[in-house]
N, C-alpha and C. Protein backbone atom coordinates (compact mmCIF):
# COMPACT_ATOMS: atom_id res chain seq x y z
N MET A 1 37.01 10.21 16.53
CA MET A 1 37.86 10.26 15.35
C MET A 1 38.85 9.13 15.38
N LYS A 2 39.39 8.82 14.22
CA LYS A 2 40.41 7.83 14.07
C LYS A 2 41.73 8.59 13.91
N ILE A 3 42.58 8.47 14.93
CA ILE A 3 43.77 9.29 15.02
C ILE A 3 45.06 8.50 14.95
N TYR A 4 45.94 8.98 14.12
CA TYR A 4 47.34 8.44 14.03
C TYR A 4 48.22 9.45 14.74
N VAL A 5 48.90 9.01 15.79
CA VAL A 5 49.83 9.86 16.49
C VAL A 5 51.23 9.63 15.87
N ALA A 6 51.77 10.65 15.28
CA ALA A 6 53.09 10.57 14.63
C ALA A 6 54.10 11.19 15.60
N SER A 7 55.09 10.37 15.99
CA SER A 7 56.08 10.88 16.94
C SER A 7 57.30 9.99 16.85
N SER A 8 58.15 10.07 17.86
CA SER A 8 59.40 9.33 17.91
C SER A 8 59.29 8.27 19.03
N TRP A 9 59.99 7.17 18.85
CA TRP A 9 60.09 6.18 19.93
C TRP A 9 60.68 6.84 21.20
N ARG A 10 61.52 7.83 21.02
CA ARG A 10 62.18 8.43 22.19
C ARG A 10 61.31 9.52 22.83
N ASN A 11 60.21 9.91 22.21
CA ASN A 11 59.39 10.99 22.73
C ASN A 11 58.63 10.46 23.97
N GLN A 12 58.92 11.03 25.13
CA GLN A 12 58.33 10.55 26.36
C GLN A 12 56.88 11.05 26.50
N GLN A 13 56.44 12.01 25.74
CA GLN A 13 55.02 12.47 25.79
C GLN A 13 54.10 11.54 25.04
N GLN A 14 54.62 10.78 24.08
CA GLN A 14 53.77 9.99 23.20
C GLN A 14 52.77 9.10 23.94
N PRO A 15 53.15 8.32 24.93
CA PRO A 15 52.16 7.46 25.62
C PRO A 15 51.06 8.28 26.29
N HIS A 16 51.43 9.42 26.89
CA HIS A 16 50.43 10.28 27.54
C HIS A 16 49.45 10.88 26.50
N VAL A 17 49.98 11.24 25.32
CA VAL A 17 49.10 11.81 24.28
C VAL A 17 48.12 10.74 23.84
N VAL A 18 48.61 9.52 23.56
CA VAL A 18 47.77 8.41 23.15
C VAL A 18 46.68 8.17 24.18
N ALA A 19 47.05 8.07 25.43
CA ALA A 19 46.08 7.79 26.52
C ALA A 19 45.07 8.91 26.66
N THR A 20 45.48 10.15 26.59
CA THR A 20 44.59 11.28 26.72
C THR A 20 43.58 11.31 25.56
N LEU A 21 44.02 11.09 24.38
CA LEU A 21 43.11 11.12 23.22
C LEU A 21 42.10 9.98 23.31
N ARG A 22 42.54 8.81 23.81
CA ARG A 22 41.60 7.71 24.00
C ARG A 22 40.60 8.02 25.10
N THR A 23 41.04 8.68 26.16
CA THR A 23 40.14 9.08 27.24
C THR A 23 39.03 9.99 26.72
N HIS A 24 39.35 10.76 25.69
CA HIS A 24 38.35 11.67 25.10
C HIS A 24 37.51 10.98 24.02
N GLY A 25 37.61 9.66 23.92
CA GLY A 25 36.70 8.87 23.07
C GLY A 25 37.21 8.62 21.65
N HIS A 26 38.46 8.96 21.38
CA HIS A 26 38.98 8.73 20.03
C HIS A 26 39.59 7.37 19.88
N ALA A 27 39.53 6.80 18.68
CA ALA A 27 40.26 5.58 18.37
C ALA A 27 41.67 6.04 17.93
N VAL A 28 42.68 5.58 18.66
CA VAL A 28 44.02 6.06 18.42
C VAL A 28 44.98 4.90 18.15
N TYR A 29 45.71 5.02 17.03
CA TYR A 29 46.74 4.07 16.69
C TYR A 29 48.00 4.38 17.49
N ASP A 30 48.51 3.36 18.20
CA ASP A 30 49.73 3.53 18.96
C ASP A 30 50.82 2.67 18.30
N PHE A 31 51.74 3.34 17.59
CA PHE A 31 52.76 2.60 16.88
C PHE A 31 53.63 1.74 17.79
N LYS A 32 53.68 2.08 19.09
CA LYS A 32 54.49 1.30 20.01
C LYS A 32 53.77 -0.03 20.40
N ASN A 33 52.45 -0.04 20.26
CA ASN A 33 51.66 -1.24 20.52
C ASN A 33 50.55 -1.33 19.54
N PRO A 34 50.88 -1.64 18.24
CA PRO A 34 49.89 -1.56 17.18
C PRO A 34 48.74 -2.56 17.30
N HIS A 35 48.99 -3.73 17.82
CA HIS A 35 47.95 -4.77 17.90
C HIS A 35 48.18 -5.59 19.14
N GLY A 36 47.53 -5.25 20.20
CA GLY A 36 47.65 -6.02 21.46
C GLY A 36 49.08 -6.08 21.99
N ASP A 37 49.64 -7.30 21.96
CA ASP A 37 50.99 -7.47 22.51
C ASP A 37 52.07 -7.27 21.46
N ASN A 38 51.70 -6.80 20.26
CA ASN A 38 52.66 -6.52 19.19
C ASN A 38 53.30 -5.18 19.47
N ASN A 39 54.63 -5.14 19.69
CA ASN A 39 55.35 -3.92 19.99
C ASN A 39 55.81 -3.17 18.74
N GLY A 40 55.27 -3.53 17.58
CA GLY A 40 55.60 -2.80 16.36
C GLY A 40 57.09 -2.94 16.00
N PHE A 41 57.52 -2.06 15.16
CA PHE A 41 58.92 -2.03 14.74
C PHE A 41 59.72 -1.30 15.79
N LEU A 42 60.54 -2.03 16.52
CA LEU A 42 61.27 -1.44 17.64
C LEU A 42 62.51 -0.64 17.19
N HIS A 43 63.33 -1.32 16.40
CA HIS A 43 64.58 -0.71 16.06
C HIS A 43 65.27 -1.47 14.97
N TRP A 44 66.15 -0.82 14.24
CA TRP A 44 66.93 -1.51 13.19
C TRP A 44 67.77 -2.63 13.74
N SER A 45 68.09 -2.56 15.02
CA SER A 45 68.90 -3.64 15.63
C SER A 45 68.17 -4.95 15.67
N GLU A 46 66.85 -4.96 15.48
CA GLU A 46 66.11 -6.21 15.38
C GLU A 46 66.51 -6.96 14.11
N ILE A 47 66.95 -6.21 13.10
CA ILE A 47 67.39 -6.78 11.82
C ILE A 47 68.86 -7.12 11.83
N ASP A 48 69.64 -6.21 12.42
CA ASP A 48 71.10 -6.37 12.42
C ASP A 48 71.68 -5.53 13.56
N PRO A 49 72.34 -6.17 14.52
CA PRO A 49 72.94 -5.40 15.64
C PRO A 49 74.00 -4.39 15.14
N ASN A 50 74.52 -4.62 13.95
CA ASN A 50 75.57 -3.74 13.38
C ASN A 50 74.94 -2.75 12.39
N TRP A 51 73.72 -2.37 12.59
CA TRP A 51 73.00 -1.54 11.65
C TRP A 51 73.63 -0.16 11.43
N ARG A 52 74.31 0.35 12.39
CA ARG A 52 74.95 1.66 12.24
C ARG A 52 76.07 1.67 11.18
N ALA A 53 76.58 0.52 10.89
CA ALA A 53 77.68 0.43 9.89
C ALA A 53 77.15 0.17 8.47
N TRP A 54 75.85 0.11 8.29
CA TRP A 54 75.29 -0.13 6.97
C TRP A 54 75.66 0.97 5.98
N SER A 55 75.93 0.55 4.78
CA SER A 55 76.06 1.48 3.66
C SER A 55 74.64 1.83 3.19
N LYS A 56 74.52 2.81 2.30
CA LYS A 56 73.20 3.15 1.81
C LYS A 56 72.61 1.99 1.00
N TYR A 57 73.44 1.16 0.42
CA TYR A 57 72.98 0.01 -0.36
C TYR A 57 72.43 -1.05 0.58
N THR A 58 73.12 -1.29 1.70
CA THR A 58 72.65 -2.28 2.70
C THR A 58 71.32 -1.78 3.27
N TYR A 59 71.30 -0.49 3.62
CA TYR A 59 70.05 0.09 4.19
C TYR A 59 68.89 -0.17 3.23
N ARG A 60 69.11 0.16 1.96
CA ARG A 60 68.04 -0.03 0.96
C ARG A 60 67.60 -1.49 0.93
N ASP A 61 68.54 -2.41 0.95
CA ASP A 61 68.20 -3.84 0.93
C ASP A 61 67.43 -4.25 2.19
N ARG A 62 67.85 -3.72 3.34
CA ARG A 62 67.21 -4.10 4.64
C ARG A 62 65.77 -3.58 4.75
N LEU A 63 65.43 -2.62 3.95
CA LEU A 63 64.03 -2.14 3.93
C LEU A 63 63.08 -3.27 3.54
N MET A 64 63.62 -4.28 2.85
CA MET A 64 62.81 -5.43 2.40
C MET A 64 62.79 -6.55 3.42
N HIS A 65 63.54 -6.43 4.49
CA HIS A 65 63.58 -7.49 5.52
C HIS A 65 62.17 -7.65 6.12
N PRO A 66 61.79 -8.85 6.42
CA PRO A 66 60.43 -9.10 6.95
C PRO A 66 60.07 -8.24 8.21
N VAL A 67 61.02 -8.01 9.05
CA VAL A 67 60.76 -7.18 10.23
C VAL A 67 60.42 -5.75 9.81
N ALA A 68 61.21 -5.20 8.92
CA ALA A 68 60.94 -3.85 8.44
C ALA A 68 59.63 -3.78 7.67
N GLN A 69 59.36 -4.78 6.85
CA GLN A 69 58.15 -4.79 6.06
C GLN A 69 56.92 -4.90 6.97
N ARG A 70 56.98 -5.72 8.02
CA ARG A 70 55.84 -5.86 8.94
C ARG A 70 55.60 -4.53 9.67
N GLY A 71 56.68 -3.86 10.10
CA GLY A 71 56.53 -2.57 10.75
C GLY A 71 55.92 -1.52 9.86
N PHE A 72 56.40 -1.48 8.61
CA PHE A 72 55.86 -0.55 7.64
C PHE A 72 54.39 -0.84 7.34
N ASP A 73 54.07 -2.13 7.14
CA ASP A 73 52.70 -2.48 6.86
C ASP A 73 51.74 -2.09 7.97
N ASN A 74 52.13 -2.34 9.22
CA ASN A 74 51.31 -1.96 10.35
C ASN A 74 51.07 -0.42 10.36
N ASP A 75 52.14 0.32 10.22
CA ASP A 75 52.02 1.78 10.32
C ASP A 75 51.29 2.36 9.12
N PHE A 76 51.58 1.87 7.90
CA PHE A 76 50.93 2.44 6.74
C PHE A 76 49.44 2.10 6.68
N ALA A 77 49.08 0.89 7.17
CA ALA A 77 47.67 0.54 7.23
C ALA A 77 46.95 1.50 8.19
N ALA A 78 47.59 1.81 9.28
CA ALA A 78 46.99 2.75 10.27
C ALA A 78 46.95 4.16 9.70
N MET A 79 47.97 4.54 8.91
CA MET A 79 47.93 5.86 8.27
C MET A 79 46.75 5.97 7.33
N SER A 80 46.50 4.90 6.57
CA SER A 80 45.38 4.89 5.61
C SER A 80 44.04 4.92 6.33
N TRP A 81 43.97 4.21 7.49
CA TRP A 81 42.76 4.13 8.30
C TRP A 81 42.40 5.46 8.95
N ALA A 82 43.39 6.21 9.42
CA ALA A 82 43.16 7.40 10.18
C ALA A 82 42.55 8.53 9.38
N ASP A 83 41.71 9.32 10.03
CA ASP A 83 41.21 10.54 9.36
C ASP A 83 41.91 11.78 9.90
N THR A 84 42.62 11.61 11.02
CA THR A 84 43.27 12.76 11.66
C THR A 84 44.66 12.32 12.13
N PHE A 85 45.62 13.20 11.96
CA PHE A 85 47.00 12.94 12.41
C PHE A 85 47.38 14.01 13.43
N VAL A 86 47.95 13.53 14.53
CA VAL A 86 48.47 14.42 15.55
C VAL A 86 50.01 14.18 15.61
N GLY A 87 50.77 15.16 15.21
CA GLY A 87 52.23 15.05 15.28
C GLY A 87 52.69 15.59 16.62
N VAL A 88 53.45 14.80 17.34
CA VAL A 88 53.92 15.17 18.69
C VAL A 88 55.43 15.36 18.65
N GLN A 89 55.85 16.60 18.67
CA GLN A 89 57.28 16.91 18.65
C GLN A 89 57.91 16.60 20.01
N PRO A 90 59.16 16.28 20.11
CA PRO A 90 60.10 16.20 19.01
C PRO A 90 59.91 14.86 18.27
N PHE A 91 60.15 14.90 16.99
CA PHE A 91 60.16 13.68 16.20
C PHE A 91 61.17 13.81 15.08
N GLY A 92 61.40 12.69 14.41
CA GLY A 92 62.45 12.62 13.39
C GLY A 92 61.86 12.51 11.99
N ARG A 93 62.62 11.87 11.16
CA ARG A 93 62.28 11.78 9.72
C ARG A 93 61.01 11.01 9.45
N SER A 94 60.83 9.88 10.10
CA SER A 94 59.65 9.08 9.79
C SER A 94 58.33 9.84 10.12
N ALA A 95 58.28 10.43 11.30
CA ALA A 95 57.05 11.18 11.67
C ALA A 95 56.89 12.40 10.75
N SER A 96 57.96 13.03 10.32
CA SER A 96 57.87 14.12 9.39
C SER A 96 57.28 13.67 8.09
N ILE A 97 57.71 12.51 7.59
CA ILE A 97 57.16 11.96 6.37
C ILE A 97 55.68 11.63 6.56
N GLU A 98 55.37 10.99 7.69
CA GLU A 98 53.96 10.64 7.97
C GLU A 98 53.05 11.86 8.00
N MET A 99 53.51 12.92 8.66
CA MET A 99 52.70 14.16 8.73
C MET A 99 52.56 14.80 7.36
N GLY A 100 53.65 14.85 6.58
CA GLY A 100 53.59 15.41 5.26
C GLY A 100 52.66 14.58 4.35
N TRP A 101 52.72 13.27 4.46
CA TRP A 101 51.84 12.39 3.69
C TRP A 101 50.37 12.68 3.99
N ALA A 102 50.09 12.81 5.32
CA ALA A 102 48.72 13.06 5.76
C ALA A 102 48.22 14.38 5.18
N ALA A 103 49.04 15.41 5.27
CA ALA A 103 48.64 16.72 4.72
C ALA A 103 48.38 16.60 3.22
N GLY A 104 49.22 15.88 2.52
CA GLY A 104 49.04 15.70 1.10
C GLY A 104 47.83 14.86 0.70
N GLN A 105 47.39 14.02 1.63
CA GLN A 105 46.21 13.20 1.39
C GLN A 105 44.92 13.92 1.77
N GLY A 106 45.04 15.14 2.30
CA GLY A 106 43.86 15.89 2.73
C GLY A 106 43.32 15.44 4.06
N LYS A 107 44.12 14.74 4.85
CA LYS A 107 43.67 14.34 6.17
C LYS A 107 43.83 15.48 7.13
N ARG A 108 43.09 15.50 8.19
CA ARG A 108 43.22 16.57 9.20
C ARG A 108 44.54 16.40 9.90
N THR A 109 45.23 17.53 10.12
CA THR A 109 46.58 17.49 10.73
C THR A 109 46.68 18.50 11.85
N ILE A 110 47.23 18.04 12.94
CA ILE A 110 47.45 18.88 14.10
C ILE A 110 48.90 18.64 14.56
N LEU A 111 49.61 19.71 14.81
CA LEU A 111 51.00 19.57 15.31
C LEU A 111 51.02 20.08 16.75
N LEU A 112 51.55 19.26 17.63
CA LEU A 112 51.77 19.65 19.03
C LEU A 112 53.22 20.06 19.10
N LEU A 113 53.45 21.36 19.20
CA LEU A 113 54.79 21.91 19.20
C LEU A 113 55.60 21.66 20.46
N GLU A 114 56.86 21.70 20.32
CA GLU A 114 57.79 21.69 21.44
C GLU A 114 58.57 23.02 21.39
N ASP A 115 59.17 23.38 22.48
CA ASP A 115 60.10 24.52 22.42
C ASP A 115 61.29 24.09 21.61
N GLY A 116 61.84 25.00 20.82
CA GLY A 116 63.01 24.65 20.02
C GLY A 116 63.03 25.49 18.77
N GLU A 117 63.85 25.03 17.81
CA GLU A 117 64.06 25.78 16.61
C GLU A 117 62.80 25.80 15.75
N PRO A 118 62.38 27.02 15.34
CA PRO A 118 61.22 27.13 14.45
C PRO A 118 61.43 26.47 13.11
N GLU A 119 60.30 26.01 12.53
CA GLU A 119 60.34 25.39 11.20
C GLU A 119 59.18 25.95 10.39
N LEU A 120 59.48 26.63 9.29
CA LEU A 120 58.49 27.33 8.48
C LEU A 120 57.42 26.42 7.88
N MET A 121 57.80 25.25 7.41
CA MET A 121 56.89 24.41 6.65
C MET A 121 55.80 23.72 7.52
N VAL A 122 55.82 23.90 8.80
CA VAL A 122 54.69 23.41 9.59
C VAL A 122 53.40 24.10 9.24
N LYS A 123 53.50 25.17 8.49
CA LYS A 123 52.31 25.89 8.07
C LYS A 123 51.40 25.04 7.18
N VAL A 124 51.89 23.91 6.64
CA VAL A 124 51.04 23.04 5.86
C VAL A 124 49.99 22.33 6.71
N PHE A 125 50.20 22.29 8.00
CA PHE A 125 49.27 21.57 8.90
C PHE A 125 48.06 22.46 9.20
N ASP A 126 46.93 21.82 9.44
CA ASP A 126 45.69 22.52 9.72
C ASP A 126 45.73 23.35 11.00
N HIS A 127 46.35 22.77 12.03
CA HIS A 127 46.39 23.40 13.34
C HIS A 127 47.79 23.21 13.99
N ILE A 128 48.21 24.26 14.64
CA ILE A 128 49.49 24.23 15.40
C ILE A 128 49.10 24.51 16.86
N CYS A 129 49.37 23.54 17.74
CA CYS A 129 48.99 23.68 19.14
C CYS A 129 50.22 23.72 20.04
N CYS A 130 50.10 24.40 21.15
CA CYS A 130 51.20 24.52 22.08
C CYS A 130 51.08 23.63 23.32
N ASP A 131 49.92 23.02 23.52
CA ASP A 131 49.76 22.06 24.62
C ASP A 131 48.69 21.06 24.29
N LEU A 132 48.60 20.01 25.05
CA LEU A 132 47.69 18.90 24.80
C LEU A 132 46.21 19.36 24.96
N ASP A 133 45.94 20.26 25.93
CA ASP A 133 44.58 20.74 26.08
C ASP A 133 44.13 21.44 24.79
N GLU A 134 44.99 22.17 24.17
CA GLU A 134 44.65 22.85 22.93
C GLU A 134 44.35 21.80 21.83
N VAL A 135 45.12 20.73 21.78
CA VAL A 135 44.88 19.65 20.81
C VAL A 135 43.48 19.04 21.03
N VAL A 136 43.16 18.76 22.28
CA VAL A 136 41.83 18.21 22.60
C VAL A 136 40.73 19.17 22.19
N GLY A 137 40.91 20.43 22.42
CA GLY A 137 39.92 21.44 22.03
C GLY A 137 39.75 21.52 20.54
N VAL A 138 40.85 21.46 19.78
CA VAL A 138 40.78 21.48 18.34
C VAL A 138 40.02 20.25 17.83
N LEU A 139 40.33 19.09 18.40
CA LEU A 139 39.63 17.85 18.00
C LEU A 139 38.16 17.95 18.27
N ARG A 140 37.80 18.55 19.38
CA ARG A 140 36.40 18.69 19.72
C ARG A 140 35.67 19.55 18.66
N GLY A 141 36.35 20.51 18.09
CA GLY A 141 35.75 21.41 17.14
C GLY A 141 35.76 20.92 15.67
N MET A 142 36.52 19.85 15.42
CA MET A 142 36.63 19.36 14.02
C MET A 142 35.40 18.52 13.67
N THR A 143 34.85 18.75 12.50
CA THR A 143 33.72 17.93 12.07
C THR A 143 33.82 17.37 10.69
N THR A 144 34.62 17.99 9.81
CA THR A 144 34.70 17.50 8.44
C THR A 144 36.14 17.49 7.97
N LEU A 145 36.41 16.65 6.98
CA LEU A 145 37.73 16.66 6.38
C LEU A 145 37.94 17.89 5.55
N ARG A 146 39.15 18.32 5.51
CA ARG A 146 39.52 19.45 4.66
C ARG A 146 39.47 19.01 3.23
N VAL A 147 39.06 19.88 2.34
CA VAL A 147 38.96 19.54 0.91
C VAL A 147 39.93 20.40 0.12
């Protein structure tokens, strides 16, 4: 399968999840290393070290910065390419948007839960898993896109 792993840069499980899914024969997009030595969009500080002081207007303008555009283009191309999304909690707003977009597009969606506060709307995802072995098992059983 072609898998997009949606997670956070701070999520320490993300590299292990990517490696495990690849070991099981899946093509996996790694947003931390989208193309060889390309480290993707690292942080807003690549655009401006004073990014925390941005107003909402500055933030909106900086979305058009070439660094932000390149990061978005890499990730969105991979989102379009993927047939399956695996969300690895904990994650923030971007991964939440990515997972919601995938569900809305009819792509297969799997959420790897973390311990923490429950969230009702995860019910939109096809599968909710409690560990990586469960994710691998679900992927093994998937054969068609949801309609």
